[in-house]
């Protein structure tokens, strides 16, 4: 067991080192997109499936409540949080593919920011969310893994992909949380600690 524990932590550390070099610039760009949207009176919407849904909820909670300083709340919505709404949309359409797209259709306004988390970039509900974001003219920040999947082909020149350098779902989810925590810190420091 000790060797498994060491391997687990070593893999995590090595992935983080690679991310430091490869992802610093797209993370900075993503933070600037979010900050500019917030300064212009827009909000942050986010979605993801499975463990990524939990990461989205944590991210939204940090934006609304704050991390390290007492500050005003940041307008943010986790599209994964309303179980009744999600089940109603899924039941009405007899599929789960539109659970986020319908919420974006109803709640988003132009220049709100959509953050999507997907481990492989091929989740149909996430693809539909990005397609709806394109229609509504929302900048998209996609935090992906593997080869980025279908999502990559949907992103425009003003969108950002932050691709975790891993093919393991657990590692991707762990690193997505790290990226989201970093984004929260950058947003909070820029808006409230200058």
Protein backbone atom coordinates (compact mmCIF):
# COMPACT_ATOMS: atom_id res chain seq x y z
CA UNK A 1 0.00 0.00 0.00
CA UNK A 2 2.80 2.43 0.78
CA UNK A 3 4.13 2.23 -2.77
CA UNK A 4 0.62 2.84 -4.15
CA UNK A 5 0.29 5.93 -1.95
CA UNK A 6 3.66 7.26 -3.08
CA UNK A 7 2.80 6.58 -6.74
CA UNK A 8 -0.54 8.35 -6.41
CA UNK A 9 1.01 11.50 -4.96
CA UNK A 10 3.98 11.39 -7.33
CA UNK A 11 1.66 11.22 -10.34
CA UNK A 12 -0.32 14.17 -9.02
CA UNK A 13 2.81 16.23 -8.43
CA UNK A 14 4.22 15.42 -11.87
CA UNK A 15 0.94 16.41 -13.54
CA UNK A 16 0.94 19.69 -11.63
CA UNK A 17 4.50 20.44 -12.74
CA UNK A 18 3.55 19.88 -16.38
CA UNK A 19 0.46 22.06 -15.88
CA UNK A 20 2.55 24.90 -14.45
CA UNK A 21 4.42 25.20 -17.74
CA UNK A 22 1.65 24.32 -20.19
CA UNK A 23 -1.43 25.91 -18.62
CA UNK A 24 -0.34 29.12 -16.90
CA UNK A 25 -1.13 31.26 -19.94
CA UNK A 26 -4.60 29.80 -20.70
CA UNK A 27 -5.50 30.02 -16.99
CA UNK A 28 -4.47 33.68 -16.97
CA UNK A 29 -6.51 34.30 -20.14
CA UNK A 30 -9.52 32.55 -18.60
CA UNK A 31 -9.25 34.65 -15.44
CA UNK A 32 -9.12 37.84 -17.53
CA UNK A 33 -12.23 36.82 -19.50
CA UNK A 34 -14.12 36.19 -16.25
CA UNK A 35 -12.87 39.39 -14.61
CA UNK A 36 -13.82 41.52 -17.62
CA UNK A 37 -17.28 39.95 -17.75
CA UNK A 38 -17.82 40.62 -14.05
CA UNK A 39 -16.64 44.22 -14.36
CA UNK A 40 -19.20 44.67 -17.16
CA UNK A 41 -22.04 43.39 -14.98
CA UNK A 42 -22.18 39.84 -16.31
CA UNK A 43 -22.21 36.53 -14.44
CA UNK A 44 -20.46 33.17 -14.49
CA UNK A 45 -22.39 30.00 -15.38
CA UNK A 46 -20.78 26.59 -15.02
CA UNK A 47 -21.60 22.94 -15.60
CA UNK A 48 -20.06 19.49 -15.59
CA UNK A 49 -21.08 15.89 -15.05
CA UNK A 50 -20.27 13.36 -12.34
CA UNK A 51 -17.29 14.45 -10.20
CA UNK A 52 -16.94 17.53 -12.38
CA UNK A 53 -20.42 18.58 -11.21
CA UNK A 54 -19.16 18.59 -7.62
CA UNK A 55 -16.16 20.67 -8.71
CA UNK A 56 -18.54 23.15 -10.37
CA UNK A 57 -20.58 23.47 -7.18
CA UNK A 58 -17.47 24.09 -5.11
CA UNK A 59 -16.24 26.71 -7.61
CA UNK A 60 -19.59 28.52 -7.58
CA UNK A 61 -19.72 28.47 -3.78
CA UNK A 62 -16.25 30.03 -3.61
CA UNK A 63 -17.21 32.77 -6.08
CA UNK A 64 -20.37 33.62 -4.19
CA UNK A 65 -19.03 33.32 -0.64
CA UNK A 66 -15.37 34.26 -0.98
CA UNK A 67 -12.14 32.44 -0.25
CA UNK A 68 -9.64 34.39 1.79
CA UNK A 69 -11.16 37.86 2.24
CA UNK A 70 -14.44 39.40 3.26
CA UNK A 71 -15.84 40.76 0.01
CA UNK A 72 -19.04 41.23 -2.00
CA UNK A 73 -20.48 38.12 -3.66
CA UNK A 74 -19.65 37.38 -7.28
CA UNK A 75 -22.67 36.52 -9.46
CA UNK A 76 -22.29 32.85 -10.32
CA UNK A 77 -24.63 29.93 -11.04
CA UNK A 78 -23.87 26.21 -10.99
CA UNK A 79 -26.21 24.71 -13.58
CA UNK A 80 -25.81 21.33 -11.87
CA UNK A 81 -27.48 22.31 -8.59
CA UNK A 82 -31.25 22.33 -9.17
CA UNK A 83 -32.27 18.66 -9.10
CA UNK A 84 -35.94 19.31 -9.78
CA UNK A 85 -35.20 21.53 -12.77
CA UNK A 86 -32.68 19.05 -14.19
CA UNK A 87 -35.04 16.09 -13.79
CA UNK A 88 -37.92 18.06 -15.34
CA UNK A 89 -35.85 18.97 -18.40
CA UNK A 90 -34.56 15.39 -18.70
CA UNK A 91 -38.06 13.93 -18.30
CA UNK A 92 -39.63 16.35 -20.77
CA UNK A 93 -37.10 15.61 -23.49
CA UNK A 94 -36.64 11.93 -22.55
CA UNK A 95 -32.90 12.50 -22.48
CA UNK A 96 -30.30 14.30 -20.42
CA UNK A 97 -28.60 16.03 -23.35
CA UNK A 98 -30.33 19.39 -22.86
CA UNK A 99 -30.15 19.75 -19.08
CA UNK A 100 -27.61 22.57 -19.29
CA UNK A 101 -28.48 24.02 -22.71
CA UNK A 102 -32.07 24.77 -21.63
CA UNK A 103 -30.82 26.59 -18.52
CA UNK A 104 -28.36 28.63 -20.59
CA UNK A 105 -31.20 29.45 -22.97
CA UNK A 106 -33.30 30.73 -20.05
CA UNK A 107 -30.70 32.37 -17.78
CA UNK A 108 -27.76 33.57 -19.84
CA UNK A 109 -27.38 36.97 -21.43
CA UNK A 110 -24.80 38.00 -23.99
CA UNK A 111 -21.26 38.15 -22.57
CA UNK A 112 -21.99 36.05 -19.50
CA UNK A 113 -19.22 33.44 -19.21
CA UNK A 114 -19.82 29.69 -19.46
CA UNK A 115 -17.31 27.37 -17.80
CA UNK A 116 -17.63 23.71 -18.73
CA UNK A 117 -15.80 20.81 -17.14
CA UNK A 118 -15.45 17.58 -19.06
CA UNK A 119 -12.90 14.82 -18.67
CA UNK A 120 -12.91 13.72 -22.32
CA UNK A 121 -14.77 16.52 -24.17
CA UNK A 122 -17.48 14.21 -25.49
CA UNK A 123 -20.33 14.54 -22.96
CA UNK A 124 -23.46 15.29 -25.00
CA UNK A 125 -24.96 17.53 -22.31
CA UNK A 126 -21.76 19.58 -22.25
CA UNK A 127 -21.58 19.71 -26.05
CA UNK A 128 -25.17 21.00 -26.16
CA UNK A 129 -24.31 23.57 -23.48
CA UNK A 130 -21.39 24.89 -25.54
CA UNK A 131 -23.55 24.98 -28.68
CA UNK A 132 -26.15 27.05 -26.81
CA UNK A 133 -23.41 29.33 -25.49
CA UNK A 134 -22.27 29.96 -29.07
CA UNK A 135 -25.84 30.90 -30.04
CA UNK A 136 -26.13 33.26 -27.04
CA UNK A 137 -22.65 34.76 -27.71
CA UNK A 138 -21.11 33.69 -24.41
CA UNK A 139 -17.36 33.24 -24.06
CA UNK A 140 -16.63 29.61 -23.14
CA UNK A 141 -13.88 28.33 -20.88
CA UNK A 142 -13.56 24.56 -21.30
CA UNK A 143 -11.51 22.64 -18.75
CA UNK A 144 -10.91 19.32 -20.44
CA UNK A 145 -8.63 16.30 -20.41
CA UNK A 146 -7.52 13.52 -22.78
CA UNK A 147 -7.44 15.00 -26.31
CA UNK A 148 -10.16 17.60 -25.63
CA UNK A 149 -12.76 15.64 -27.59
CA UNK A 150 -15.61 17.17 -29.59
CA UNK A 151 -15.68 20.29 -27.42
CA UNK A 152 -12.43 21.56 -28.98
CA UNK A 153 -14.04 21.84 -32.42
CA UNK A 154 -16.86 23.98 -31.02
CA UNK A 155 -14.66 26.60 -29.40
CA UNK A 156 -14.18 29.93 -31.14
CA UNK A 157 -11.11 32.15 -31.23
CA UNK A 158 -12.22 34.06 -28.11
CA UNK A 159 -12.86 30.89 -26.11
CA UNK A 160 -10.27 29.16 -23.93
CA UNK A 161 -9.45 25.49 -23.51
CA UNK A 162 -7.52 24.47 -20.42
CA UNK A 163 -6.57 20.86 -21.15
CA UNK A 164 -5.37 18.78 -18.23
CA UNK A 165 -2.40 16.68 -19.44
CA UNK A 166 -3.82 13.31 -18.44
CA UNK A 167 -6.03 10.48 -19.69
CA UNK A 168 -7.06 9.31 -16.21
CA UNK A 169 -10.47 10.52 -15.11
CA UNK A 170 -9.57 10.80 -11.42
CA UNK A 171 -6.44 12.82 -12.21
CA UNK A 172 -8.33 15.11 -14.60
CA UNK A 173 -11.03 15.79 -11.99
CA UNK A 174 -8.44 16.44 -9.30
CA UNK A 175 -6.60 18.90 -11.55
CA UNK A 176 -9.84 20.58 -12.66
CA UNK A 177 -10.46 21.44 -9.02
CA UNK A 178 -6.94 22.83 -8.74
CA UNK A 179 -7.50 25.01 -11.83
CA UNK A 180 -10.85 26.26 -10.51
CA UNK A 181 -9.31 27.11 -7.13
CA UNK A 182 -6.56 29.02 -8.93
CA UNK A 183 -9.14 30.91 -11.01
CA UNK A 184 -11.06 31.85 -7.86
CA UNK A 185 -7.89 33.17 -6.26
CA UNK A 186 -6.95 35.19 -9.36
CA UNK A 187 -10.45 36.67 -9.64
CA UNK A 188 -10.68 37.54 -5.96
CA UNK A 189 -7.20 39.07 -5.79
CA UNK A 190 -7.70 41.12 -8.94
CA UNK A 191 -11.14 42.45 -8.08
CA UNK A 192 -10.81 42.99 -4.35
CA UNK A 193 -7.16 43.10 -3.28
CA UNK A 194 -5.57 45.55 -5.72
